[in-house]
PDB file of N, CA and C in Angstrom:
ATOM      1  N   MET A   1       0.829  -0.970   0.064  1.00  0.00           N
ATOM      2  CA  MET A   1      -0.082  -0.126   0.131  1.00  0.00           C
ATOM      3  C   MET A   1       0.863   1.262  -0.125  1.00  0.00           C
ATOM      4  N   GLU A   2       0.468   2.161  -0.752  1.00  0.00           N
ATOM      5  CA  GLU A   2       1.336   3.451  -0.890  1.00  0.00           C
ATOM      6  C   GLU A   2       1.064   4.257   0.510  1.00  0.00           C
ATOM      7  N   GLU A   3       2.124   5.114   0.810  1.00  0.00           N
ATOM      8  CA  GLU A   3       1.934   5.742   2.098  1.00  0.00           C
ATOM      9  C   GLU A   3       1.005   6.773   1.998  1.00  0.00           C
ATOM     10  N   ASN A   4       0.815   7.426   0.857  1.00  0.00           N
ATOM     11  CA  ASN A   4      -0.074   8.648   0.741  1.00  0.00           C
ATOM     12  C   ASN A   4      -1.562   8.251   0.184  1.00  0.00           C
ATOM     13  N   GLN A   5      -1.686   6.848   0.150  1.00  0.00           N
ATOM     14  CA  GLN A   5      -2.993   6.473  -0.293  1.00  0.00           C
ATOM     15  C   GLN A   5      -4.141   6.815   0.945  1.00  0.00           C
ATOM     16  N   MET A   6      -5.250   7.251   0.305  1.00  0.00           N
ATOM     17  CA  MET A   6      -6.327   7.848   1.249  1.00  0.00           C
ATOM     18  C   MET A   6      -7.176   6.612   1.661  1.00  0.00           C
ATOM     19  N   GLN A   7      -7.481   6.592   3.029  1.00  0.00           N
ATOM     20  CA  GLN A   7      -8.420   5.497   3.450  1.00  0.00           C
ATOM     21  C   GLN A   7      -9.730   6.213   3.744  1.00  0.00           C
ATOM     22  N   ILE A   8     -10.604   5.714   3.422  1.00  0.00           N
ATOM     23  CA  ILE A   8     -12.125   6.047   3.513  1.00  0.00           C
ATOM     24  C   ILE A   8     -12.813   5.092   4.177  1.00  0.00           C
ATOM     25  N   ASN A   9     -13.685   5.453   5.192  1.00  0.00           N
ATOM     26  CA  ASN A   9     -14.529   4.731   5.859  1.00  0.00           C
ATOM     27  C   ASN A   9     -16.065   4.855   5.356  1.00  0.00           C
ATOM     28  N   LEU A  10     -16.664   3.858   5.209  1.00  0.00           N
ATOM     29  CA  LEU A  10     -18.063   3.892   4.618  1.00  0.00           C
ATOM     30  C   LEU A  10     -19.106   3.373   5.741  1.00  0.00           C
ATOM     31  N   PRO A  11     -19.666   4.060   6.584  1.00  0.00           N
ATOM     32  CA  PRO A  11     -20.606   3.686   7.581  1.00  0.00           C
ATOM     33  C   PRO A  11     -21.731   2.953   6.980  1.00  0.00           C
ATOM     34  N   PRO A  12     -22.171   2.000   7.822  1.00  0.00           N
ATOM     35  CA  PRO A  12     -23.371   1.019   7.219  1.00  0.00           C
ATOM     36  C   PRO A  12     -24.545   2.006   7.037  1.00  0.00           C
ATOM     37  N   GLU A  13     -24.803   3.079   7.722  1.00  0.00           N
ATOM     38  CA  GLU A  13     -26.009   3.935   7.636  1.00  0.00           C
ATOM     39  C   GLU A  13     -25.877   4.623   6.277  1.00  0.00           C
ATOM     40  N   VAL A  14     -24.695   4.851   5.657  1.00  0.00           N
ATOM     41  CA  VAL A  14     -24.458   5.641   4.441  1.00  0.00           C
ATOM     42  C   VAL A  14     -24.376   4.607   3.355  1.00  0.00           C
ATOM     43  N   ALA A  15     -23.794   3.474   3.645  1.00  0.00           N
ATOM     44  CA  ALA A  15     -23.813   2.656   2.445  1.00  0.00           C
ATOM     45  C   ALA A  15     -24.718   2.137   1.505  1.00  0.00           C
ATOM     46  N   GLY A  16     -26.028   2.057   2.118  1.00  0.00           N
ATOM     47  CA  GLY A  16     -27.057   1.885   1.212  1.00  0.00           C
ATOM     48  C   GLY A  16     -27.508   2.916   0.373  1.00  0.00           C
ATOM     49  N   GLY A  17     -26.997   4.252   0.493  1.00  0.00           N
ATOM     50  CA  GLY A  17     -27.281   5.315  -0.407  1.00  0.00           C
ATOM     51  C   GLY A  17     -28.605   5.748  -0.271  1.00  0.00           C
ATOM     52  N   VAL A  18     -28.960   6.760  -1.211  1.00  0.00           N
ATOM     53  CA  VAL A  18     -30.450   7.328  -1.261  1.00  0.00           C
ATOM     54  C   VAL A  18     -30.756   7.350  -2.618  1.00  0.00           C
ATOM     55  N   TYR A  19     -32.128   7.244  -2.923  1.00  0.00           N
ATOM     56  CA  TYR A  19     -32.625   7.317  -4.424  1.00  0.00           C
ATOM     57  C   TYR A  19     -32.939   8.717  -4.611  1.00  0.00           C
ATOM     58  N   SER A  20     -32.427   9.081  -5.780  1.00  0.00           N
ATOM     59  CA  SER A  20     -32.946  10.632  -6.255  1.00  0.00           C
ATOM     60  C   SER A  20     -33.145  10.454  -7.860  1.00  0.00           C
ATOM     61  N   ASN A  21     -34.181  11.172  -8.149  1.00  0.00           N
ATOM     62  CA  ASN A  21     -34.487  11.157  -9.523  1.00  0.00           C
ATOM     63  C   ASN A  21     -34.588  12.771  -9.924  1.00  0.00           C
ATOM     64  N   LEU A  22     -34.090  13.477  -9.123  1.00  0.00           N
ATOM     65  CA  LEU A  22     -34.051  14.919  -9.475  1.00  0.00           C
ATOM     66  C   LEU A  22     -32.953  15.358  -8.685  1.00  0.00           C
ATOM     67  N   ALA A  23     -32.181  16.356  -9.546  1.00  0.00           N
ATOM     68  CA  ALA A  23     -31.027  17.087  -8.864  1.00  0.00           C
ATOM     69  C   ALA A  23     -31.249  18.620  -9.145  1.00  0.00           C
ATOM     70  N   ILE A  24     -31.123  19.327  -8.219  1.00  0.00           N
ATOM     71  CA  ILE A  24     -31.176  20.830  -8.283  1.00  0.00           C
ATOM     72  C   ILE A  24     -30.078  21.346  -7.958  1.00  0.00           C
ATOM     73  N   ILE A  25     -29.338  22.122  -8.676  1.00  0.00           N
ATOM     74  CA  ILE A  25     -27.940  22.735  -8.503  1.00  0.00           C
ATOM     75  C   ILE A  25     -27.912  24.225  -8.531  1.00  0.00           C
ATOM     76  N   ALA A  26     -27.509  24.795  -7.561  1.00  0.00           N
ATOM     77  CA  ALA A  26     -27.292  26.304  -7.337  1.00  0.00           C
ATOM     78  C   ALA A  26     -25.945  26.551  -7.128  1.00  0.00           C
ATOM     79  N   HIS A  27     -25.456  27.839  -7.201  1.00  0.00           N
ATOM     80  CA  HIS A  27     -24.008  28.098  -6.903  1.00  0.00           C
ATOM     81  C   HIS A  27     -23.896  29.648  -6.506  1.00  0.00           C
ATOM     82  N   SER A  28     -22.942  29.897  -5.847  1.00  0.00           N
ATOM     83  CA  SER A  28     -22.504  31.298  -5.382  1.00  0.00           C
ATOM     84  C   SER A  28     -21.198  31.451  -5.850  1.00  0.00           C
ATOM     85  N   PRO A  29     -20.470  32.356  -5.641  1.00  0.00           N
ATOM     86  CA  PRO A  29     -19.042  32.640  -6.041  1.00  0.00           C
ATOM     87  C   PRO A  29     -18.117  31.666  -5.351  1.00  0.00           C
ATOM     88  N   SER A  30     -18.658  31.082  -4.068  1.00  0.00           N
ATOM     89  CA  SER A  30     -17.584  30.162  -3.312  1.00  0.00           C
ATOM     90  C   SER A  30     -18.112  28.766  -3.316  1.00  0.00           C
ATOM     91  N   GLU A  31     -19.127  28.276  -3.770  1.00  0.00           N
ATOM     92  CA  GLU A  31     -19.646  27.098  -3.671  1.00  0.00           C
ATOM     93  C   GLU A  31     -20.795  26.550  -4.593  1.00  0.00           C
ATOM     94  N   PHE A  32     -20.766  25.420  -4.926  1.00  0.00           N
ATOM     95  CA  PHE A  32     -22.059  24.765  -5.561  1.00  0.00           C
ATOM     96  C   PHE A  32     -22.866  23.946  -4.648  1.00  0.00           C
ATOM     97  N   VAL A  33     -24.118  24.077  -4.617  1.00  0.00           N
ATOM     98  CA  VAL A  33     -25.071  23.287  -3.787  1.00  0.00           C
ATOM     99  C   VAL A  33     -25.867  22.355  -4.753  1.00  0.00           C
ATOM    100  N   ILE A  34     -25.724  21.101  -4.445  1.00  0.00           N
ATOM    101  CA  ILE A  34     -26.402  20.038  -5.168  1.00  0.00           C
ATOM    102  C   ILE A  34     -27.536  19.492  -4.237  1.00  0.00           C
ATOM    103  N   ASP A  35     -28.798  19.679  -4.518  1.00  0.00           N
ATOM    104  CA  ASP A  35     -29.667  18.892  -3.865  1.00  0.00           C
ATOM    105  C   ASP A  35     -30.300  17.880  -4.600  1.00  0.00           C
ATOM    106  N   PHE A  36     -30.265  16.648  -3.963  1.00  0.00           N
ATOM    107  CA  PHE A  36     -30.757  15.397  -4.583  1.00  0.00           C
ATOM    108  C   PHE A  36     -32.080  15.079  -3.931  1.00  0.00           C
ATOM    109  N   VAL A  37     -33.131  15.018  -4.884  1.00  0.00           N
ATOM    110  CA  VAL A  37     -34.593  15.052  -4.504  1.00  0.00           C
ATOM    111  C   VAL A  37     -35.164  13.681  -5.068  1.00  0.00           C
ATOM    112  N   SER A  38     -36.132  13.142  -4.211  1.00  0.00           N
ATOM    113  CA  SER A  38     -36.887  12.123  -4.591  1.00  0.00           C
ATOM    114  C   SER A  38     -38.222  12.648  -4.904  1.00  0.00           C
ATOM    115  N   VAL A  39     -38.614  12.407  -6.251  1.00  0.00           N
ATOM    116  CA  VAL A  39     -40.064  12.881  -6.666  1.00  0.00           C
ATOM    117  C   VAL A  39     -40.823  11.545  -6.994  1.00  0.00           C
ATOM    118  N   MET A  40     -41.835  11.360  -6.254  1.00  0.00           N
ATOM    119  CA  MET A  40     -42.749  10.032  -6.232  1.00  0.00           C
ATOM    120  C   MET A  40     -44.237  10.569  -6.783  1.00  0.00           C
ATOM    121  N   PRO A  41     -44.879   9.814  -7.452  1.00  0.00           N
ATOM    122  CA  PRO A  41     -46.168   9.987  -7.935  1.00  0.00           C
ATOM    123  C   PRO A  41     -47.014  10.096  -6.476  1.00  0.00           C
ATOM    124  N   GLN A  42     -47.876  11.013  -6.532  1.00  0.00           N
ATOM    125  CA  GLN A  42     -48.978  10.966  -5.425  1.00  0.00           C
ATOM    126  C   GLN A  42     -48.282  11.421  -4.035  1.00  0.00           C
ATOM    127  N   VAL A  43     -46.957  11.823  -4.040  1.00  0.00           N
ATOM    128  CA  VAL A  43     -46.423  12.178  -2.796  1.00  0.00           C
ATOM    129  C   VAL A  43     -45.871  13.527  -2.890  1.00  0.00           C
ATOM    130  N   LYS A  44     -46.429  14.643  -2.060  1.00  0.00           N
ATOM    131  CA  LYS A  44     -46.031  15.865  -2.225  1.00  0.00           C
ATOM    132  C   LYS A  44     -46.001  16.262  -0.799  1.00  0.00           C
ATOM    133  N   PRO A  45     -44.989  17.273  -0.540  1.00  0.00           N
ATOM    134  CA  PRO A  45     -43.952  17.747  -1.602  1.00  0.00           C
ATOM    135  C   PRO A  45     -42.855  16.594  -1.682  1.00  0.00           C
ATOM    136  N   ALA A  46     -42.193  16.808  -2.846  1.00  0.00           N
ATOM    137  CA  ALA A  46     -40.940  15.990  -3.039  1.00  0.00           C
ATOM    138  C   ALA A  46     -40.048  16.374  -1.908  1.00  0.00           C
ATOM    139  N   GLN A  47     -39.230  15.258  -1.647  1.00  0.00           N
ATOM    140  CA  GLN A  47     -38.213  15.458  -0.337  1.00  0.00           C
ATOM    141  C   GLN A  47     -36.837  15.531  -0.858  1.00  0.00           C
ATOM    142  N   VAL A  48     -36.066  16.386  -0.372  1.00  0.00           N
ATOM    143  CA  VAL A  48     -34.623  16.459  -0.580  1.00  0.00           C
ATOM    144  C   VAL A  48     -34.121  15.424   0.378  1.00  0.00           C
ATOM    145  N   ARG A  49     -33.414  14.353  -0.357  1.00  0.00           N
ATOM    146  CA  ARG A  49     -32.798  13.294   0.277  1.00  0.00           C
ATOM    147  C   ARG A  49     -31.332  13.540   0.705  1.00  0.00           C
ATOM    148  N   SER A  50     -30.683  14.472  -0.099  1.00  0.00           N
ATOM    149  CA  SER A  50     -29.243  14.757   0.313  1.00  0.00           C
ATOM    150  C   SER A  50     -28.779  16.059  -0.352  1.00  0.00           C
ATOM    151  N   ARG A  51     -28.085  16.812   0.479  1.00  0.00           N
ATOM    152  CA  ARG A  51     -27.380  18.067   0.001  1.00  0.00           C
ATOM    153  C   ARG A  51     -25.962  17.992  -0.033  1.00  0.00           C
ATOM    154  N   VAL A  52     -25.431  18.238  -1.027  1.00  0.00           N
ATOM    155  CA  VAL A  52     -23.744  18.190  -1.154  1.00  0.00           C
ATOM    156  C   VAL A  52     -23.466  19.614  -1.548  1.00  0.00           C
ATOM    157  N   ILE A  53     -22.406  19.867  -0.923  1.00  0.00           N
ATOM    158  CA  ILE A  53     -22.007  21.506  -1.051  1.00  0.00           C
ATOM    159  C   ILE A  53     -20.499  21.192  -1.280  1.00  0.00           C
ATOM    160  N   LEU A  54     -20.104  21.767  -2.446  1.00  0.00           N
ATOM    161  CA  LEU A  54     -18.649  21.678  -3.018  1.00  0.00           C
ATOM    162  C   LEU A  54     -18.092  23.056  -3.337  1.00  0.00           C
ATOM    163  N   THR A  55     -16.821  22.948  -3.441  1.00  0.00           N
ATOM    164  CA  THR A  55     -15.954  24.077  -3.932  1.00  0.00           C
ATOM    165  C   THR A  55     -16.197  24.105  -5.395  1.00  0.00           C
ATOM    166  N   PRO A  56     -15.873  25.248  -6.131  1.00  0.00           N
ATOM    167  CA  PRO A  56     -15.846  25.230  -7.625  1.00  0.00           C
ATOM    168  C   PRO A  56     -15.013  24.338  -8.076  1.00  0.00           C
ATOM    169  N   GLU A  57     -13.742  24.224  -7.611  1.00  0.00           N
ATOM    170  CA  GLU A  57     -12.819  23.367  -8.097  1.00  0.00           C
ATOM    171  C   GLU A  57     -13.247  21.869  -7.977  1.00  0.00           C
ATOM    172  N   ASN A  58     -13.654  21.407  -6.773  1.00  0.00           N
ATOM    173  CA  ASN A  58     -14.103  20.049  -6.611  1.00  0.00           C
ATOM    174  C   ASN A  58     -15.430  19.827  -7.612  1.00  0.00           C
ATOM    175  N   THR A  59     -16.213  20.821  -7.672  1.00  0.00           N
ATOM    176  CA  THR A  59     -17.351  20.562  -8.526  1.00  0.00           C
ATOM    177  C   THR A  59     -16.860  20.227 -10.027  1.00  0.00           C
ATOM    178  N   LYS A  60     -15.933  21.032 -10.427  1.00  0.00           N
ATOM    179  CA  LYS A  60     -15.340  20.592 -11.810  1.00  0.00           C
ATOM    180  C   LYS A  60     -14.735  19.363 -11.875  1.00  0.00           C
ATOM    181  N   LYS A  61     -14.015  18.731 -10.844  1.00  0.00           N
ATOM    182  CA  LYS A  61     -13.479  17.529 -10.783  1.00  0.00           C
ATOM    183  C   LYS A  61     -14.513  16.689 -10.733  1.00  0.00           C
ATOM    184  N   LEU A  62     -15.671  16.774 -10.197  1.00  0.00           N
ATOM    185  CA  LEU A  62     -16.774  15.733 -10.035  1.00  0.00           C
ATOM    186  C   LEU A  62     -17.377  15.733 -11.488  1.00  0.00           C
ATOM    187  N   LEU A  63     -17.410  16.880 -12.209  1.00  0.00           N
ATOM    188  CA  LEU A  63     -17.859  16.937 -13.674  1.00  0.00           C
ATOM    189  C   LEU A  63     -17.049  16.071 -14.455  1.00  0.00           C
ATOM    190  N   LEU A  64     -15.850  16.226 -14.351  1.00  0.00           N
ATOM    191  CA  LEU A  64     -14.863  15.445 -15.259  1.00  0.00           C
ATOM    192  C   LEU A  64     -14.775  14.050 -14.828  1.00  0.00           C
ATOM    193  N   ALA A  65     -15.109  13.678 -13.616  1.00  0.00           N
ATOM    194  CA  ALA A  65     -15.212  12.126 -13.237  1.00  0.00           C
ATOM    195  C   ALA A  65     -16.465  11.558 -13.663  1.00  0.00           C
ATOM    196  N   LEU A  66     -17.549  12.300 -13.780  1.00  0.00           N
ATOM    197  CA  LEU A  66     -18.859  11.945 -14.260  1.00  0.00           C
ATOM    198  C   LEU A  66     -18.542  11.781 -15.764  1.00  0.00           C
ATOM    199  N   GLN A  67     -18.123  12.608 -16.627  1.00  0.00           N
ATOM    200  CA  GLN A  67     -17.974  12.368 -17.845  1.00  0.00           C
ATOM    201  C   GLN A  67     -17.227  11.164 -18.267  1.00  0.00           C
ATOM    202  N   ASP A  68     -16.067  11.037 -17.501  1.00  0.00           N
ATOM    203  CA  ASP A  68     -15.278   9.757 -17.710  1.00  0.00           C
ATOM    204  C   ASP A  68     -16.144   8.510 -17.397  1.00  0.00           C
ATOM    205  N   ASN A  69     -16.851   8.516 -16.527  1.00  0.00           N
ATOM    206  CA  ASN A  69     -17.630   7.403 -16.084  1.00  0.00           C
ATOM    207  C   ASN A  69     -18.776   7.138 -17.107  1.00  0.00           C
ATOM    208  N   ILE A  70     -19.472   8.061 -17.507  1.00  0.00           N
ATOM    209  CA  ILE A  70     -20.400   7.854 -18.589  1.00  0.00           C
ATOM    210  C   ILE A  70     -19.784   7.426 -19.839  1.00  0.00           C
ATOM    211  N   ARG A  71     -18.777   8.051 -20.264  1.00  0.00           N
ATOM    212  CA  ARG A  71     -18.007   7.576 -21.517  1.00  0.00           C
ATOM    213  C   ARG A  71     -17.716   5.927 -21.346  1.00  0.00           C
ATOM    214  N   LYS A  72     -17.279   5.510 -20.122  1.00  0.00           N
ATOM    215  CA  LYS A  72     -16.949   4.124 -19.829  1.00  0.00           C
ATOM    216  C   LYS A  72     -18.280   3.220 -19.975  1.00  0.00           C
ATOM    217  N   TYR A  73     -19.168   3.796 -19.338  1.00  0.00           N
ATOM    218  CA  TYR A  73     -20.604   3.163 -19.191  1.00  0.00           C
ATOM    219  C   TYR A  73     -21.168   2.813 -20.652  1.00  0.00           C
ATOM    220  N   GLU A  74     -20.985   4.025 -21.392  1.00  0.00           N
ATOM    221  CA  GLU A  74     -21.682   3.884 -22.859  1.00  0.00           C
ATOM    222  C   GLU A  74     -20.808   2.893 -23.787  1.00  0.00           C
ATOM    223  N   GLN A  75     -19.545   2.725 -23.465  1.00  0.00           N
ATOM    224  CA  GLN A  75     -18.748   1.906 -24.139  1.00  0.00           C
ATOM    225  C   GLN A  75     -19.085   0.403 -23.738  1.00  0.00           C
ATOM    226  N   GLN A  76     -19.358   0.297 -22.598  1.00  0.00           N
ATOM    227  CA  GLN A  76     -20.047  -1.164 -22.030  1.00  0.00           C
ATOM    228  C   GLN A  76     -21.315  -1.472 -22.242  1.00  0.00           C
ATOM    229  N   PHE A  77     -22.294  -0.634 -22.237  1.00  0.00           N
ATOM    230  CA  PHE A  77     -23.718  -0.831 -22.208  1.00  0.00           C
ATOM    231  C   PHE A  77     -24.487  -0.115 -23.241  1.00  0.00           C
ATOM    232  N   GLY A  78     -23.812   0.745 -24.040  1.00  0.00           N
ATOM    233  CA  GLY A  78     -24.477   1.325 -24.980  1.00  0.00           C
ATOM    234  C   GLY A  78     -24.854   2.825 -24.593  1.00  0.00           C
ATOM    235  N   LYS A  79     -25.265   3.554 -25.548  1.00  0.00           N
ATOM    236  CA  LYS A  79     -25.563   5.095 -25.299  1.00  0.00           C
ATOM    237  C   LYS A  79     -26.745   5.386 -24.500  1.00  0.00           C
ATOM    238  N   ILE A  80     -26.545   6.351 -23.553  1.00  0.00           N
ATOM    239  CA  ILE A  80     -27.575   6.527 -22.775  1.00  0.00           C
ATOM    240  C   ILE A  80     -28.497   7.743 -23.371  1.00  0.00           C
ATOM    241  N   ASP A  81     -29.850   7.477 -23.602  1.00  0.00           N
ATOM    242  CA  ASP A  81     -30.576   8.281 -24.421  1.00  0.00           C
ATOM    243  C   ASP A  81     -31.422   9.168 -23.384  1.00  0.00           C
ATOM    244  N   ILE A  82     -31.555  10.365 -23.666  1.00  0.00           N
ATOM    245  CA  ILE A  82     -32.426  11.302 -22.775  1.00  0.00           C
ATOM    246  C   ILE A  82     -33.658  11.589 -23.790  1.00  0.00           C
ATOM    247  N   ASN A  83     -34.704  11.351 -23.222  1.00  0.00           N
ATOM    248  CA  ASN A  83     -36.150  11.694 -23.901  1.00  0.00           C
ATOM    249  C   ASN A  83     -36.407  13.061 -24.054  1.00  0.00           C
ATOM    250  N   PRO A  84     -36.120  13.497 -25.392  1.00  0.00           N
ATOM    251  CA  PRO A  84     -36.590  14.949 -25.644  1.00  0.00           C
ATOM    252  C   PRO A  84     -37.937  15.428 -25.430  1.00  0.00           C
ATOM    253  N   ASN A  85     -38.833  14.413 -25.285  1.00  0.00           N
ATOM    254  CA  ASN A  85     -40.256  14.826 -25.120  1.00  0.00           C
ATOM    255  C   ASN A  85     -40.574  14.878 -23.651  1.00  0.00           C
ATOM    256  N   PHE A  86     -39.655  14.639 -22.830  1.00  0.00           N
ATOM    257  CA  PHE A  86     -39.952  14.753 -21.339  1.00  0.00           C
ATOM    258  C   PHE A  86     -40.173  16.217 -20.953  1.00  0.00           C
ATOM    259  N   PRO A  87     -41.327  16.570 -20.209  1.00  0.00           N
ATOM    260  CA  PRO A  87     -41.596  17.900 -19.839  1.00  0.00           C
ATOM    261  C   PRO A  87     -40.457  18.433 -19.122  1.00  0.00           C
ATOM    262  N   SER A  88     -39.941  19.602 -19.421  1.00  0.00           N
ATOM    263  CA  SER A  88     -38.691  20.076 -18.768  1.00  0.00           C
ATOM    264  C   SER A  88     -38.848  20.489 -17.411  1.00  0.00           C
ATOM    265  N   ASN A  89     -40.007  20.666 -16.986  1.00  0.00           N
ATOM    266  CA  ASN A  89     -40.419  21.206 -15.543  1.00  0.00           C
ATOM    267  C   ASN A  89     -40.305  19.801 -14.696  1.00  0.00           C
ATOM    268  N   THR A  90     -40.557  18.743 -15.251  1.00  0.00           N
ATOM    269  CA  THR A  90     -40.548  17.405 -14.464  1.00  0.00           C
ATOM    270  C   THR A  90     -39.263  16.487 -14.743  1.00  0.00           C
ATOM    271  N   ALA A  91     -38.371  17.030 -15.522  1.00  0.00           N
ATOM    272  CA  ALA A  91     -37.168  16.237 -15.908  1.00  0.00           C
ATOM    273  C   ALA A  91     -36.621  15.494 -14.697  1.00  0.00           C
ATOM    274  N   PRO A  92     -36.209  14.373 -14.759  1.00  0.00           N
ATOM    275  CA  PRO A  92     -35.506  13.469 -13.754  1.00  0.00           C
ATOM    276  C   PRO A  92     -34.328  14.355 -13.037  1.00  0.00           C
ATOM    277  N   MET A  93     -33.551  15.064 -13.985  1.00  0.00           N
ATOM    278  CA  MET A  93     -32.233  15.846 -13.400  1.00  0.00           C
ATOM    279  C   MET A  93     -32.531  17.315 -13.930  1.00  0.00           C
ATOM    280  N   SER A  94     -32.513  18.262 -13.092  1.00  0.00           N
ATOM    281  CA  SER A  94     -32.712  19.647 -13.634  1.00  0.00           C
ATOM    282  C   SER A  94     -31.583  20.398 -12.760  1.00  0.00           C
ATOM    283  N   PHE A  95     -31.370  21.502 -13.665  1.00  0.00           N
ATOM    284  CA  PHE A  95     -30.054  22.295 -13.177  1.00  0.00           C
ATOM    285  C   PHE A  95     -30.646  23.815 -13.015  1.00  0.00           C
ATOM    286  N   GLY A  96     -31.031  24.138 -11.857  1.00  0.00           N
ATOM    287  CA  GLY A  96     -31.707  25.408 -11.530  1.00  0.00           C
ATOM    288  C   GLY A  96     -30.766  26.565 -11.774  1.00  0.00           C
ATOM    289  N   GLY A  97     -29.495  26.272 -11.606  1.00  0.00           N
ATOM    290  CA  GLY A  97     -28.677  27.281 -11.453  1.00  0.00           C
ATOM    291  C   GLY A  97     -28.820  28.423 -10.409  1.00  0.00           C
ATOM    292  N   GLY A  98     -28.532  29.662 -10.444  1.00  0.00           N
ATOM    293  CA  GLY A  98     -29.038  30.649  -9.470  1.00  0.00           C
ATOM    294  C   GLY A  98     -28.026  30.726  -8.276  1.00  0.00           C
ATOM    295  N   GLU A  99     -28.439  31.288  -7.435  1.00  0.00           N
ATOM    296  CA  GLU A  99     -27.582  31.629  -6.154  1.00  0.00           C
ATOM    297  C   GLU A  99     -27.757  30.643  -5.229  1.00  0.00           C
ATOM    298  N   ALA A 100     -26.620  30.109  -4.500  1.00  0.00           N
ATOM    299  CA  ALA A 100     -26.711  29.384  -3.361  1.00  0.00           C
ATOM    300  C   ALA A 100     -27.081  29.835  -2.017  1.00  0.00           C
TER     301      ALA A 100
END
């Protein structure tokens, strides 16, 4: 094992993850805020399941990591299609922009 290798603990209560079918992203000059929301039919209001706050630099690193992983996924499983007819106000992932 390398001396500088980071060790990460994954507690059992976090290991199961949370389901999200909507992401709302806002930003300020110093941070990006990503709210992961679960929108379920007949359940109102939709629930924010997790909020992640990142520096701009780490947000860009996340973007690059996601792009790389999507590329690898599509090489293995095929292209991910986004339905152009899905109403934009109910899209599974939305990017609100704005201020955090």
